[in-house]
Amino acid sequence: ALCAHENPLGSSNISKTSAVTSANMSDLSRTVPQEQLPSQDLHPSPTPVINLGHLSLDSVTRSGVVNDIAKACRDLGYFQVINHGISQSVMDCAVKAASDFFKLPSEIKEKFASEDLRQPVRYDTSSKDSISMSRAFLKLYAHPLSDWIQYWPQQPPIYREYMEIYAVEARRVALQLMEAILEALGLGKEYLNEKFQEGSQLLSVNCYPKASQGAMTIGLAPHSDYGFLTILLTSCRGLEVVDRSSNSWRTVQQLPHALHVHVGDHMEVLSNGLIKTVVHRAILNSEEARISIASIHGFALDEKVTCAKELVDEQNPQKYKESSLSDFLDHLAANMDNKQRNFLESLKM
């Protein structure tokens, strides 16, 4: 059944051309200095749009899609996907469940509040992590669901059901994309398959208020995500990415029924720098409050990510030290007061 949803997704079109604990992984692995980068909103460069349904067609068509994904990862670090198999109602219901949670009385939400970065579910508002400028968030582990769903909120009553369905579907999309990227890297789509299948999934569910006149407009400061891939569902515009070619901020448009995909720090490590993580931020929307659900995918808590040995040779020596999600959490806890903390930089050799 369709959810009643006050702010339906996809209100504006763009052209196709144009582990074991921690609910905090996107508290976030990487920040960058607050340079006043110019905005490219007036003349945005096109965001690649990938039709995921074409991955299951004939080998020639699949190869073309794999190449398109590879180019987007290499050149930009982000892209959008359509025909991904997640129904509009599942997406709408997840956004509604998130929205309804943030409308609950404070005393209910604050039952999940904790300063322990290794809690399986954690609620907080801005100010404590030096990255959240104006947001409320709920972070919860989602894979394997049988280990984690018991900790999820039971209010609103729809929350577990709707968010569970979306989490499973988002993970399916992430694994499908990982196969294509590994194939593009020449590693083969079955590369480290068991580790990806047993890996972690974190949902970072965010609520950004409507921008008020004259107030700070940044909801989440520049950062990159720790894992391999982030699948991002948003209710309205507000996501900005750094455009590498012009070193400027670019607003990501809302394409109906599309999901945004970010490359994370551990993808940069695995690829030995062939693929770069993407720096992004959230800007408050001047017309409405914004919900975003980031599904962040990595290895299990203590599983080390290292540069693929197949991508290391004399001409391309290993560029990064190995690290795990647990190492990231330790780094985060040790640098809570450092606004320029940067996990990826700490891994560079």
C-alpha atoms as a PDB file:
ATOM      1  CA  ALA A   1       0.000   0.000   0.000  1.00  0.00           C
ATOM      2  CA  LEU A   2       1.130   3.527  -0.701  1.00  0.00           C
ATOM      3  CA  CYS A   3       2.144   5.646   2.271  1.00  0.00           C
ATOM      4  CA  ALA A   4       0.577   9.021   2.863  1.00  0.00           C
ATOM      5  CA  HIS A   5       3.595  11.225   2.398  1.00  0.00           C
ATOM      6  CA  GLU A   6       3.547  14.976   2.854  1.00  0.00           C
ATOM      7  CA  ASN A   7       6.690  15.623   0.828  1.00  0.00           C
ATOM      8  CA  PRO A   8       6.783  13.165  -2.060  1.00  0.00           C
ATOM      9  CA  LEU A   9      10.182  12.419  -3.520  1.00  0.00           C
ATOM     10  CA  GLY A  10      11.326  13.612  -6.870  1.00  0.00           C
ATOM     11  CA  SER A  11       9.628  16.968  -7.138  1.00  0.00           C
ATOM     12  CA  SER A  12      12.022  18.284  -9.771  1.00  0.00           C
ATOM     13  CA  ASN A  13      13.407  16.650 -12.890  1.00  0.00           C
ATOM     14  CA  ILE A  14      16.873  16.680 -14.352  1.00  0.00           C
ATOM     15  CA  SER A  15      17.906  15.397 -17.724  1.00  0.00           C
ATOM     16  CA  LYS A  16      19.576  12.006 -17.941  1.00  0.00           C
ATOM     17  CA  THR A  17      22.433  13.756 -19.630  1.00  0.00           C
ATOM     18  CA  SER A  18      22.685  16.617 -17.331  1.00  0.00           C
ATOM     19  CA  ALA A  19      29.887  -5.881  12.531  1.00  0.00           C
ATOM     20  CA  VAL A  20      29.011  -5.936  15.398  1.00  0.00           C
ATOM     21  CA  THR A  21      28.245  -2.681  17.230  1.00  0.00           C
ATOM     22  CA  SER A  22      28.273   1.057  16.449  1.00  0.00           C
ATOM     23  CA  ALA A  23      25.542   3.091  15.026  1.00  0.00           C
ATOM     24  CA  ASN A  24      27.770   5.946  14.179  1.00  0.00           C
ATOM     25  CA  MET A  25      29.818   5.180  11.218  1.00  0.00           C
ATOM     26  CA  SER A  26      28.792   8.276   9.390  1.00  0.00           C
ATOM     27  CA  ASP A  27      29.763  10.497  12.292  1.00  0.00           C
ATOM     28  CA  LEU A  28      31.858  10.721   9.795  1.00  0.00           C
ATOM     29  CA  SER A  29      35.162   9.481   8.634  1.00  0.00           C
ATOM     30  CA  ARG A  30      36.450  12.565   7.002  1.00  0.00           C
ATOM     31  CA  THR A  31      36.084  16.301   7.139  1.00  0.00           C
ATOM     32  CA  VAL A  32      37.730  18.904   4.997  1.00  0.00           C
ATOM     33  CA  PRO A  33      38.613  22.500   5.857  1.00  0.00           C
ATOM     34  CA  GLN A  34      35.733  24.896   5.550  1.00  0.00           C
ATOM     35  CA  GLU A  35      36.969  26.634   2.414  1.00  0.00           C
ATOM     36  CA  GLN A  36      34.416  28.958   0.927  1.00  0.00           C
ATOM     37  CA  LEU A  37      34.212  27.060  -2.319  1.00  0.00           C
ATOM     38  CA  PRO A  38      32.103  28.731  -4.999  1.00  0.00           C
ATOM     39  CA  SER A  39      28.787  27.220  -5.998  1.00  0.00           C
ATOM     40  CA  GLN A  40      28.107  25.955  -9.504  1.00  0.00           C
ATOM     41  CA  ASP A  41      24.321  25.991  -9.148  1.00  0.00           C
ATOM     42  CA  LEU A  42      23.769  28.240 -12.156  1.00  0.00           C
ATOM     43  CA  HIS A  43      25.668  25.948 -14.518  1.00  0.00           C
ATOM     44  CA  PRO A  44      25.850  22.529 -12.888  1.00  0.00           C
ATOM     45  CA  SER A  45      27.769  19.787 -14.632  1.00  0.00           C
ATOM     46  CA  PRO A  46      25.598  16.744 -15.361  1.00  0.00           C
ATOM     47  CA  THR A  47      25.244  13.956 -12.811  1.00  0.00           C
ATOM     48  CA  PRO A  48      25.649  10.512 -14.396  1.00  0.00           C
ATOM     49  CA  VAL A  49      22.426   8.511 -14.264  1.00  0.00           C
ATOM     50  CA  ILE A  50      22.878   4.731 -14.374  1.00  0.00           C
ATOM     51  CA  ASN A  51      20.057   2.374 -15.381  1.00  0.00           C
ATOM     52  CA  LEU A  52      20.723  -0.575 -13.085  1.00  0.00           C
ATOM     53  CA  GLY A  53      18.222  -2.764 -14.885  1.00  0.00           C
ATOM     54  CA  HIS A  54      20.648  -2.916 -17.818  1.00  0.00           C
ATOM     55  CA  LEU A  55      23.190  -4.811 -15.674  1.00  0.00           C
ATOM     56  CA  SER A  56      21.064  -7.943 -16.068  1.00  0.00           C
ATOM     57  CA  LEU A  57      20.775  -7.720 -19.870  1.00  0.00           C
ATOM     58  CA  ASP A  58      23.162  -9.192 -22.446  1.00  0.00           C
ATOM     59  CA  SER A  59      26.911  -9.098 -21.874  1.00  0.00           C
ATOM     60  CA  VAL A  60      27.529  -6.194 -24.281  1.00  0.00           C
ATOM     61  CA  THR A  61      24.896  -4.029 -22.579  1.00  0.00           C
ATOM     62  CA  ARG A  62      26.163  -5.008 -19.128  1.00  0.00           C
ATOM     63  CA  SER A  63      29.717  -4.154 -20.121  1.00  0.00           C
ATOM     64  CA  GLY A  64      28.600  -0.690 -21.204  1.00  0.00           C
ATOM     65  CA  VAL A  65      26.863  -0.077 -17.869  1.00  0.00           C
ATOM     66  CA  VAL A  66      29.895  -1.339 -15.924  1.00  0.00           C
ATOM     67  CA  ASN A  67      32.067   1.095 -17.879  1.00  0.00           C
ATOM     68  CA  ASP A  68      29.662   3.958 -17.132  1.00  0.00           C
ATOM     69  CA  ILE A  69      29.761   3.130 -13.406  1.00  0.00           C
ATOM     70  CA  ALA A  70      33.555   2.906 -13.512  1.00  0.00           C
ATOM     71  CA  LYS A  71      33.862   6.291 -15.205  1.00  0.00           C
ATOM     72  CA  ALA A  72      31.531   7.948 -12.682  1.00  0.00           C
ATOM     73  CA  CYS A  73      33.463   6.424  -9.766  1.00  0.00           C
ATOM     74  CA  ARG A  74      36.815   7.409 -11.206  1.00  0.00           C
ATOM     75  CA  ASP A  75      35.969  10.913 -12.398  1.00  0.00           C
ATOM     76  CA  LEU A  76      33.413  12.078  -9.818  1.00  0.00           C
ATOM     77  CA  GLY A  77      32.983   9.637  -6.940  1.00  0.00           C
ATOM     78  CA  TYR A  78      29.182   9.816  -7.209  1.00  0.00           C
ATOM     79  CA  PHE A  79      26.294   9.049  -9.541  1.00  0.00           C
ATOM     80  CA  GLN A  80      22.556   8.364  -9.463  1.00  0.00           C
ATOM     81  CA  VAL A  81      20.777   5.096 -10.181  1.00  0.00           C
ATOM     82  CA  ILE A  82      17.334   4.476 -11.660  1.00  0.00           C
ATOM     83  CA  ASN A  83      15.497   1.235 -12.413  1.00  0.00           C
ATOM     84  CA  HIS A  84      17.059  -0.105  -9.212  1.00  0.00           C
ATOM     85  CA  GLY A  85      14.134  -2.312  -8.246  1.00  0.00           C
ATOM     86  CA  ILE A  86      13.058  -0.458  -5.089  1.00  0.00           C
ATOM     87  CA  SER A  87       9.442   0.599  -5.494  1.00  0.00           C
ATOM     88  CA  GLN A  88       8.386   4.192  -4.978  1.00  0.00           C
ATOM     89  CA  SER A  89       6.067   3.086  -2.166  1.00  0.00           C
ATOM     90  CA  VAL A  90       8.946   1.403  -0.289  1.00  0.00           C
ATOM     91  CA  MET A  91      11.008   4.583  -0.607  1.00  0.00           C
ATOM     92  CA  ASP A  92       8.096   6.810   0.424  1.00  0.00           C
ATOM     93  CA  CYS A  93       7.261   4.604   3.392  1.00  0.00           C
ATOM     94  CA  ALA A  94      10.861   4.685   4.656  1.00  0.00           C
ATOM     95  CA  VAL A  95      10.870   8.486   4.462  1.00  0.00           C
ATOM     96  CA  LYS A  96       7.512   8.629   6.235  1.00  0.00           C
ATOM     97  CA  ALA A  97       8.715   6.308   9.001  1.00  0.00           C
ATOM     98  CA  ALA A  98      11.770   8.514   9.494  1.00  0.00           C
ATOM     99  CA  SER A  99       9.715  11.703   9.453  1.00  0.00           C
ATOM    100  CA  ASP A 100       7.245  10.297  11.978  1.00  0.00           C
ATOM    101  CA  PHE A 101      10.067   9.262  14.307  1.00  0.00           C
ATOM    102  CA  PHE A 102      11.501  12.770  14.389  1.00  0.00           C
ATOM    103  CA  LYS A 103       8.041  14.151  15.194  1.00  0.00           C
ATOM    104  CA  LEU A 104       7.855  12.059  18.376  1.00  0.00           C
ATOM    105  CA  PRO A 105       8.124  13.803  21.769  1.00  0.00           C
ATOM    106  CA  SER A 106      11.704  14.459  22.838  1.00  0.00           C
ATOM    107  CA  GLU A 107      11.501  12.136  25.823  1.00  0.00           C
ATOM    108  CA  ILE A 108      10.815   9.170  23.519  1.00  0.00           C
ATOM    109  CA  LYS A 109      13.624   9.987  21.094  1.00  0.00           C
ATOM    110  CA  GLU A 110      16.105  10.712  23.865  1.00  0.00           C
ATOM    111  CA  LYS A 111      15.787   7.164  25.166  1.00  0.00           C
ATOM    112  CA  PHE A 112      18.169   6.388  22.308  1.00  0.00           C
ATOM    113  CA  ALA A 113      20.583   9.218  23.121  1.00  0.00           C
ATOM    114  CA  SER A 114      24.133   8.163  23.976  1.00  0.00           C
ATOM    115  CA  GLU A 115      27.673   9.479  23.720  1.00  0.00           C
ATOM    116  CA  ASP A 116      28.944   5.912  23.287  1.00  0.00           C
ATOM    117  CA  LEU A 117      29.951   5.605  19.647  1.00  0.00           C
ATOM    118  CA  ARG A 118      29.520   1.825  19.785  1.00  0.00           C
ATOM    119  CA  GLN A 119      25.843   1.739  20.635  1.00  0.00           C
ATOM    120  CA  PRO A 120      23.759  -0.317  18.164  1.00  0.00           C
ATOM    121  CA  VAL A 121      21.228   2.539  17.931  1.00  0.00           C
ATOM    122  CA  ARG A 122      22.004   6.160  18.725  1.00  0.00           C
ATOM    123  CA  TYR A 123      19.990   9.374  18.558  1.00  0.00           C
ATOM    124  CA  ASP A 124      21.421  12.854  18.789  1.00  0.00           C
ATOM    125  CA  THR A 125      21.026  16.407  17.597  1.00  0.00           C
ATOM    126  CA  SER A 126      23.570  18.924  16.350  1.00  0.00           C
ATOM    127  CA  SER A 127      26.641  20.278  18.056  1.00  0.00           C
ATOM    128  CA  LYS A 128      28.451  17.337  19.628  1.00  0.00           C
ATOM    129  CA  ASP A 129      30.272  15.844  16.663  1.00  0.00           C
ATOM    130  CA  SER A 130      31.589  19.109  15.097  1.00  0.00           C
ATOM    131  CA  ILE A 131      30.110  17.996  11.765  1.00  0.00           C
ATOM    132  CA  SER A 132      26.382  18.220  12.462  1.00  0.00           C
ATOM    133  CA  MET A 133      25.549  21.884  12.094  1.00  0.00           C
ATOM    134  CA  SER A 134      21.777  21.642  12.141  1.00  0.00           C
ATOM    135  CA  ARG A 135      20.245  18.193  12.150  1.00  0.00           C
ATOM    136  CA  ALA A 136      18.739  15.453  14.281  1.00  0.00           C
ATOM    137  CA  PHE A 137      19.823  11.921  13.482  1.00  0.00           C
ATOM    138  CA  LEU A 138      19.224   8.299  14.356  1.00  0.00           C
ATOM    139  CA  LYS A 139      21.909   5.776  13.497  1.00  0.00           C
ATOM    140  CA  LEU A 140      21.192   2.095  13.520  1.00  0.00           C
ATOM    141  CA  TYR A 141      22.836  -1.088  12.374  1.00  0.00           C
ATOM    142  CA  ALA A 142      20.877  -3.011   9.768  1.00  0.00           C
ATOM    143  CA  HIS A 143      22.819  -6.148   8.789  1.00  0.00           C
ATOM    144  CA  PRO A 144      22.285  -8.847   9.699  1.00  0.00           C
ATOM    145  CA  LEU A 145      18.799  -7.662  10.614  1.00  0.00           C
ATOM    146  CA  SER A 146      18.200 -10.567  12.989  1.00  0.00           C
ATOM    147  CA  ASP A 147      21.007  -9.203  15.194  1.00  0.00           C
ATOM    148  CA  TRP A 148      19.929  -5.588  15.222  1.00  0.00           C
ATOM    149  CA  ILE A 149      16.227  -4.991  14.636  1.00  0.00           C
ATOM    150  CA  GLN A 150      15.402  -5.772  18.270  1.00  0.00           C
ATOM    151  CA  TYR A 151      17.180  -2.523  19.214  1.00  0.00           C
ATOM    152  CA  TRP A 152      15.344  -0.352  16.683  1.00  0.00           C
ATOM    153  CA  PRO A 153      12.612   2.080  17.799  1.00  0.00           C
ATOM    154  CA  GLN A 154       9.172   0.582  18.313  1.00  0.00           C
ATOM    155  CA  GLN A 155       7.575   3.978  17.855  1.00  0.00           C
ATOM    156  CA  PRO A 156       6.136   5.023  15.535  1.00  0.00           C
ATOM    157  CA  PRO A 157       4.511   1.597  15.051  1.00  0.00           C
ATOM    158  CA  ILE A 158       5.374   1.601  11.335  1.00  0.00           C
ATOM    159  CA  TYR A 159       9.060   2.260  11.917  1.00  0.00           C
ATOM    160  CA  ARG A 160      10.559  -1.207  12.079  1.00  0.00           C
ATOM    161  CA  GLU A 161       8.459  -2.643   9.279  1.00  0.00           C
ATOM    162  CA  TYR A 162       8.986   0.164   6.792  1.00  0.00           C
ATOM    163  CA  MET A 163      12.673   0.730   7.557  1.00  0.00           C
ATOM    164  CA  GLU A 164      13.435  -2.993   7.472  1.00  0.00           C
ATOM    165  CA  ILE A 165      11.991  -3.372   3.972  1.00  0.00           C
ATOM    166  CA  TYR A 166      13.975  -0.401   2.712  1.00  0.00           C
ATOM    167  CA  ALA A 167      17.216  -1.533   4.419  1.00  0.00           C
ATOM    168  CA  VAL A 168      17.099  -4.952   2.759  1.00  0.00           C
ATOM    169  CA  GLU A 169      16.447  -3.397  -0.643  1.00  0.00           C
ATOM    170  CA  ALA A 170      19.194  -0.771  -0.266  1.00  0.00           C
ATOM    171  CA  ARG A 171      21.679  -3.477   0.637  1.00  0.00           C
ATOM    172  CA  ARG A 172      20.724  -5.457  -2.458  1.00  0.00           C
ATOM    173  CA  VAL A 173      21.420  -2.400  -4.610  1.00  0.00           C
ATOM    174  CA  ALA A 174      24.770  -1.796  -2.867  1.00  0.00           C
ATOM    175  CA  LEU A 175      25.919  -5.385  -3.426  1.00  0.00           C
ATOM    176  CA  GLN A 176      24.880  -5.194  -7.084  1.00  0.00           C
ATOM    177  CA  LEU A 177      26.892  -2.008  -7.521  1.00  0.00           C
ATOM    178  CA  MET A 178      29.902  -3.472  -5.697  1.00  0.00           C
ATOM    179  CA  GLU A 179      29.971  -6.372  -8.140  1.00  0.00           C
ATOM    180  CA  ALA A 180      30.012  -3.961 -11.082  1.00  0.00           C
ATOM    181  CA  ILE A 181      32.762  -1.804  -9.569  1.00  0.00           C
ATOM    182  CA  LEU A 182      34.930  -4.814  -8.714  1.00  0.00           C
ATOM    183  CA  GLU A 183      34.437  -6.047 -12.260  1.00  0.00           C
ATOM    184  CA  ALA A 184      35.459  -2.632 -13.602  1.00  0.00           C
ATOM    185  CA  LEU A 185      38.609  -2.689 -11.462  1.00  0.00           C
ATOM    186  CA  GLY A 186      39.558  -5.989 -13.097  1.00  0.00           C
ATOM    187  CA  LEU A 187      39.167  -7.891  -9.833  1.00  0.00           C
ATOM    188  CA  GLY A 188      36.094  -9.871 -10.905  1.00  0.00           C
ATOM    189  CA  LYS A 189      32.606  -9.491  -9.499  1.00  0.00           C
ATOM    190  CA  GLU A 190      33.128 -12.373  -7.041  1.00  0.00           C
ATOM    191  CA  TYR A 191      36.177 -10.695  -5.470  1.00  0.00           C
ATOM    192  CA  LEU A 192      36.010 -10.897  -1.641  1.00  0.00           C
ATOM    193  CA  ASN A 193      32.359 -11.878  -2.093  1.00  0.00           C
ATOM    194  CA  GLU A 194      32.052 -13.541   1.313  1.00  0.00           C
ATOM    195  CA  LYS A 195      33.400 -10.482   3.116  1.00  0.00           C
ATOM    196  CA  PHE A 196      30.953  -8.216   1.334  1.00  0.00           C
ATOM    197  CA  GLN A 197      28.055 -10.618   2.026  1.00  0.00           C
ATOM    198  CA  GLU A 198      28.950 -10.703   5.718  1.00  0.00           C
ATOM    199  CA  GLY A 199      29.706  -7.004   5.898  1.00  0.00           C
ATOM    200  CA  SER A 200      28.102  -4.208   7.869  1.00  0.00           C
ATOM    201  CA  GLN A 201      25.261  -1.874   6.974  1.00  0.00           C
ATOM    202  CA  LEU A 202      24.507   1.304   8.869  1.00  0.00           C
ATOM    203  CA  LEU A 203      21.436   3.453   8.357  1.00  0.00           C
ATOM    204  CA  SER A 204      22.060   7.091   9.155  1.00  0.00           C
ATOM    205  CA  VAL A 205      18.575   8.607   9.264  1.00  0.00           C
ATOM    206  CA  ASN A 206      18.656  12.407   9.284  1.00  0.00           C
ATOM    207  CA  CYS A 207      16.188  15.241   9.719  1.00  0.00           C
ATOM    208  CA  TYR A 208      17.199  18.749   8.641  1.00  0.00           C
ATOM    209  CA  PRO A 209      14.946  21.688   9.519  1.00  0.00           C
ATOM    210  CA  LYS A 210      13.641  24.134   6.981  1.00  0.00           C
ATOM    211  CA  ALA A 211      16.120  26.970   6.551  1.00  0.00           C
ATOM    212  CA  SER A 212      15.059  30.093   8.397  1.00  0.00           C
ATOM    213  CA  GLN A 213      15.716  33.616   7.160  1.00  0.00           C
ATOM    214  CA  GLY A 214      19.264  34.705   7.918  1.00  0.00           C
ATOM    215  CA  ALA A 215      20.195  31.535   9.827  1.00  0.00           C
ATOM    216  CA  MET A 216      23.042  29.114   9.139  1.00  0.00           C
ATOM    217  CA  THR A 217      22.228  27.142   6.014  1.00  0.00           C
ATOM    218  CA  ILE A 218      24.687  24.251   6.410  1.00  0.00           C
ATOM    219  CA  GLY A 219      23.062  21.201   7.954  1.00  0.00           C
ATOM    220  CA  LEU A 220      26.053  18.854   7.775  1.00  0.00           C
ATOM    221  CA  ALA A 221      29.615  20.052   7.215  1.00  0.00           C
ATOM    222  CA  PRO A 222      31.874  18.720   4.427  1.00  0.00           C
ATOM    223  CA  HIS A 223      32.894  15.106   4.949  1.00  0.00           C
ATOM    224  CA  SER A 224      33.311  11.765   3.248  1.00  0.00           C
ATOM    225  CA  ASP A 225      31.801   8.472   4.400  1.00  0.00           C
ATOM    226  CA  TYR A 226      33.938   5.720   5.849  1.00  0.00           C
ATOM    227  CA  GLY A 227      32.688   2.637   3.946  1.00  0.00           C
ATOM    228  CA  PHE A 228      32.727   1.356   0.374  1.00  0.00           C
ATOM    229  CA  LEU A 229      29.408   2.750  -0.851  1.00  0.00           C
ATOM    230  CA  THR A 230      26.629   4.930   0.509  1.00  0.00           C
ATOM    231  CA  ILE A 231      23.139   4.624  -0.976  1.00  0.00           C
ATOM    232  CA  LEU A 232      21.303   7.880  -0.267  1.00  0.00           C
ATOM    233  CA  LEU A 233      17.540   8.487  -0.320  1.00  0.00           C
ATOM    234  CA  THR A 234      16.409  12.094   0.211  1.00  0.00           C
ATOM    235  CA  SER A 235      13.010  13.751   0.387  1.00  0.00           C
ATOM    236  CA  CYS A 236      14.030  17.020  -1.309  1.00  0.00           C
ATOM    237  CA  ARG A 237      17.037  18.972  -2.493  1.00  0.00           C
ATOM    238  CA  GLY A 238      19.844  19.762  -0.085  1.00  0.00           C
ATOM    239  CA  LEU A 239      22.786  17.533  -0.992  1.00  0.00           C
ATOM    240  CA  GLU A 240      25.923  19.173  -2.386  1.00  0.00           C
ATOM    241  CA  VAL A 241      29.083  17.510  -3.674  1.00  0.00           C
ATOM    242  CA  VAL A 242      32.528  18.883  -4.466  1.00  0.00           C
ATOM    243  CA  ASP A 243      33.014  19.022  -8.210  1.00  0.00           C
ATOM    244  CA  ARG A 244      36.669  18.094  -8.653  1.00  0.00           C
ATOM    245  CA  SER A 245      37.147  19.681 -12.063  1.00  0.00           C
ATOM    246  CA  SER A 246      36.155  23.150 -10.851  1.00  0.00           C
ATOM    247  CA  ASN A 247      36.792  22.698  -7.091  1.00  0.00           C
ATOM    248  CA  SER A 248      33.325  24.050  -6.376  1.00  0.00           C
ATOM    249  CA  TRP A 249      30.157  22.904  -4.640  1.00  0.00           C
ATOM    250  CA  ARG A 250      27.463  21.477  -6.864  1.00  0.00           C
ATOM    251  CA  THR A 251      23.851  20.908  -5.881  1.00  0.00           C
ATOM    252  CA  VAL A 252      22.598  17.408  -6.641  1.00  0.00           C
ATOM    253  CA  GLN A 253      19.251  17.532  -8.408  1.00  0.00           C
ATOM    254  CA  GLN A 254      16.245  15.416  -7.457  1.00  0.00           C
ATOM    255  CA  LEU A 255      15.532  12.893 -10.186  1.00  0.00           C
ATOM    256  CA  PRO A 256      12.225  11.081  -9.619  1.00  0.00           C
ATOM    257  CA  HIS A 257      12.654   7.583  -8.208  1.00  0.00           C
ATOM    258  CA  ALA A 258      16.466   7.866  -8.272  1.00  0.00           C
ATOM    259  CA  LEU A 259      18.925   7.040  -5.508  1.00  0.00           C
ATOM    260  CA  HIS A 260      22.210   8.873  -5.060  1.00  0.00           C
ATOM    261  CA  VAL A 261      25.392   6.798  -4.682  1.00  0.00           C
ATOM    262  CA  HIS A 262      28.595   7.966  -2.983  1.00  0.00           C
ATOM    263  CA  VAL A 263      32.009   6.344  -3.081  1.00  0.00           C
ATOM    264  CA  GLY A 264      33.470   6.029   0.432  1.00  0.00           C
ATOM    265  CA  ASP A 265      36.938   6.026   1.982  1.00  0.00           C
ATOM    266  CA  HIS A 266      37.365   2.252   1.984  1.00  0.00           C
ATOM    267  CA  MET A 267      36.637   2.101  -1.741  1.00  0.00           C
ATOM    268  CA  GLU A 268      39.550   4.478  -2.273  1.00  0.00           C
ATOM    269  CA  VAL A 269      41.721   2.186  -0.132  1.00  0.00           C
ATOM    270  CA  LEU A 270      40.628  -1.047  -1.841  1.00  0.00           C
ATOM    271  CA  SER A 271      41.243   0.449  -5.293  1.00  0.00           C
ATOM    272  CA  ASN A 272      44.661   1.777  -4.193  1.00  0.00           C
ATOM    273  CA  GLY A 273      43.564   5.274  -5.147  1.00  0.00           C
ATOM    274  CA  LEU A 274      42.161   4.468  -8.585  1.00  0.00           C
ATOM    275  CA  ILE A 275      38.762   5.544  -7.226  1.00  0.00           C
ATOM    276  CA  LYS A 276      38.533   8.557  -4.920  1.00  0.00           C
ATOM    277  CA  THR A 277      36.082   9.137  -2.096  1.00  0.00           C
ATOM    278  CA  VAL A 278      33.651  12.037  -2.571  1.00  0.00           C
ATOM    279  CA  VAL A 279      33.368  15.032  -0.247  1.00  0.00           C
ATOM    280  CA  HIS A 280      29.792  16.180   0.297  1.00  0.00           C
ATOM    281  CA  ARG A 281      27.651  18.262   2.655  1.00  0.00           C
ATOM    282  CA  ALA A 282      24.003  18.974   3.425  1.00  0.00           C
ATOM    283  CA  ILE A 283      22.426  22.393   2.941  1.00  0.00           C
ATOM    284  CA  LEU A 284      19.130  23.327   4.560  1.00  0.00           C
ATOM    285  CA  ASN A 285      16.219  23.553   2.140  1.00  0.00           C
ATOM    286  CA  SER A 286      14.476  26.924   2.177  1.00  0.00           C
ATOM    287  CA  GLU A 287      11.065  25.442   1.309  1.00  0.00           C
ATOM    288  CA  GLU A 288      10.693  22.409   3.570  1.00  0.00           C
ATOM    289  CA  ALA A 289      12.300  20.196   6.196  1.00  0.00           C
ATOM    290  CA  ARG A 290      14.414  17.456   4.656  1.00  0.00           C
ATOM    291  CA  ILE A 291      14.708  13.760   5.455  1.00  0.00           C
ATOM    292  CA  SER A 292      17.676  11.749   4.251  1.00  0.00           C
ATOM    293  CA  ILE A 293      18.441   8.055   4.757  1.00  0.00           C
ATOM    294  CA  ALA A 294      22.051   7.086   4.121  1.00  0.00           C
ATOM    295  CA  SER A 295      22.703   3.355   3.887  1.00  0.00           C
ATOM    296  CA  ILE A 296      26.454   2.911   4.414  1.00  0.00           C
ATOM    297  CA  HIS A 297      28.049  -0.401   3.434  1.00  0.00           C
ATOM    298  CA  GLY A 298      31.369  -1.781   4.670  1.00  0.00           C
ATOM    299  CA  PHE A 299      33.091  -4.883   5.950  1.00  0.00           C
ATOM    300  CA  ALA A 300      32.301  -6.373   9.362  1.00  0.00           C
ATOM    301  CA  LEU A 301      33.554  -4.577  12.466  1.00  0.00           C
ATOM    302  CA  ASP A 302      37.033  -6.114  12.743  1.00  0.00           C
ATOM    303  CA  GLU A 303      37.549  -7.082   9.098  1.00  0.00           C
ATOM    304  CA  LYS A 304      40.537  -5.199   7.666  1.00  0.00           C
ATOM    305  CA  VAL A 305      40.286  -3.376   4.353  1.00  0.00           C
ATOM    306  CA  THR A 306      43.563  -3.163   2.443  1.00  0.00           C
ATOM    307  CA  CYS A 307      44.661  -2.235  -1.054  1.00  0.00           C
ATOM    308  CA  ALA A 308      43.851  -5.060  -3.469  1.00  0.00           C
ATOM    309  CA  LYS A 309      47.177  -6.755  -4.157  1.00  0.00           C
ATOM    310  CA  GLU A 310      46.151  -7.093  -7.803  1.00  0.00           C
ATOM    311  CA  LEU A 311      46.260  -3.274  -8.047  1.00  0.00           C
ATOM    312  CA  VAL A 312      49.694  -2.907  -6.437  1.00  0.00           C
ATOM    313  CA  ASP A 313      52.959  -3.135  -8.389  1.00  0.00           C
ATOM    314  CA  GLU A 314      56.255  -1.277  -8.804  1.00  0.00           C
ATOM    315  CA  GLN A 315      54.608   1.507 -10.782  1.00  0.00           C
ATOM    316  CA  ASN A 316      51.671   1.685  -8.325  1.00  0.00           C
ATOM    317  CA  PRO A 317      52.954   0.959  -4.821  1.00  0.00           C
ATOM    318  CA  GLN A 318      50.556   0.515  -1.936  1.00  0.00           C
ATOM    319  CA  LYS A 319      49.219   3.947  -0.960  1.00  0.00           C
ATOM    320  CA  TYR A 320      47.189   3.164   2.188  1.00  0.00           C
ATOM    321  CA  LYS A 321      47.547   1.236   5.423  1.00  0.00           C
ATOM    322  CA  GLU A 322      44.953  -1.406   6.223  1.00  0.00           C
ATOM    323  CA  SER A 323      42.101  -0.510   8.557  1.00  0.00           C
ATOM    324  CA  SER A 324      38.764  -1.747   9.836  1.00  0.00           C
ATOM    325  CA  LEU A 325      35.496  -0.240  10.984  1.00  0.00           C
ATOM    326  CA  SER A 326      36.721  -0.764  14.527  1.00  0.00           C
ATOM    327  CA  ASP A 327      39.845   1.279  13.736  1.00  0.00           C
ATOM    328  CA  PHE A 328      37.640   4.038  12.351  1.00  0.00           C
ATOM    329  CA  LEU A 329      35.563   4.123  15.536  1.00  0.00           C
ATOM    330  CA  ASP A 330      38.718   4.301  17.649  1.00  0.00           C
ATOM    331  CA  HIS A 331      40.001   7.161  15.500  1.00  0.00           C
ATOM    332  CA  LEU A 332      36.671   8.946  15.799  1.00  0.00           C
ATOM    333  CA  ALA A 333      36.501   8.570  19.580  1.00  0.00           C
ATOM    334  CA  ALA A 334      40.064   9.862  19.955  1.00  0.00           C
ATOM    335  CA  ASN A 335      39.388  12.926  17.807  1.00  0.00           C
ATOM    336  CA  MET A 336      35.936  14.060  18.892  1.00  0.00           C
ATOM    337  CA  ASP A 337      37.137  17.605  19.554  1.00  0.00           C
ATOM    338  CA  ASN A 338      39.223  17.915  16.403  1.00  0.00           C
ATOM    339  CA  LYS A 339      37.127  19.572  13.744  1.00  0.00           C
ATOM    340  CA  GLN A 340      39.613  18.634  11.034  1.00  0.00           C
ATOM    341  CA  ARG A 341      39.849  14.962  11.960  1.00  0.00           C
ATOM    342  CA  ASN A 342      40.391  12.923   8.854  1.00  0.00           C
ATOM    343  CA  PHE A 343      40.403   9.143   8.928  1.00  0.00           C
ATOM    344  CA  LEU A 344      41.437   8.646   5.313  1.00  0.00           C
ATOM    345  CA  GLU A 345      44.425  10.985   5.668  1.00  0.00           C
ATOM    346  CA  SER A 346      45.594   8.908   8.627  1.00  0.00           C
ATOM    347  CA  LEU A 347      45.725   5.835   6.367  1.00  0.00           C
ATOM    348  CA  LYS A 348      47.880   7.337   3.615  1.00  0.00           C
ATOM    349  CA  MET A 349      51.396   5.944   3.402  1.00  0.00           C
END
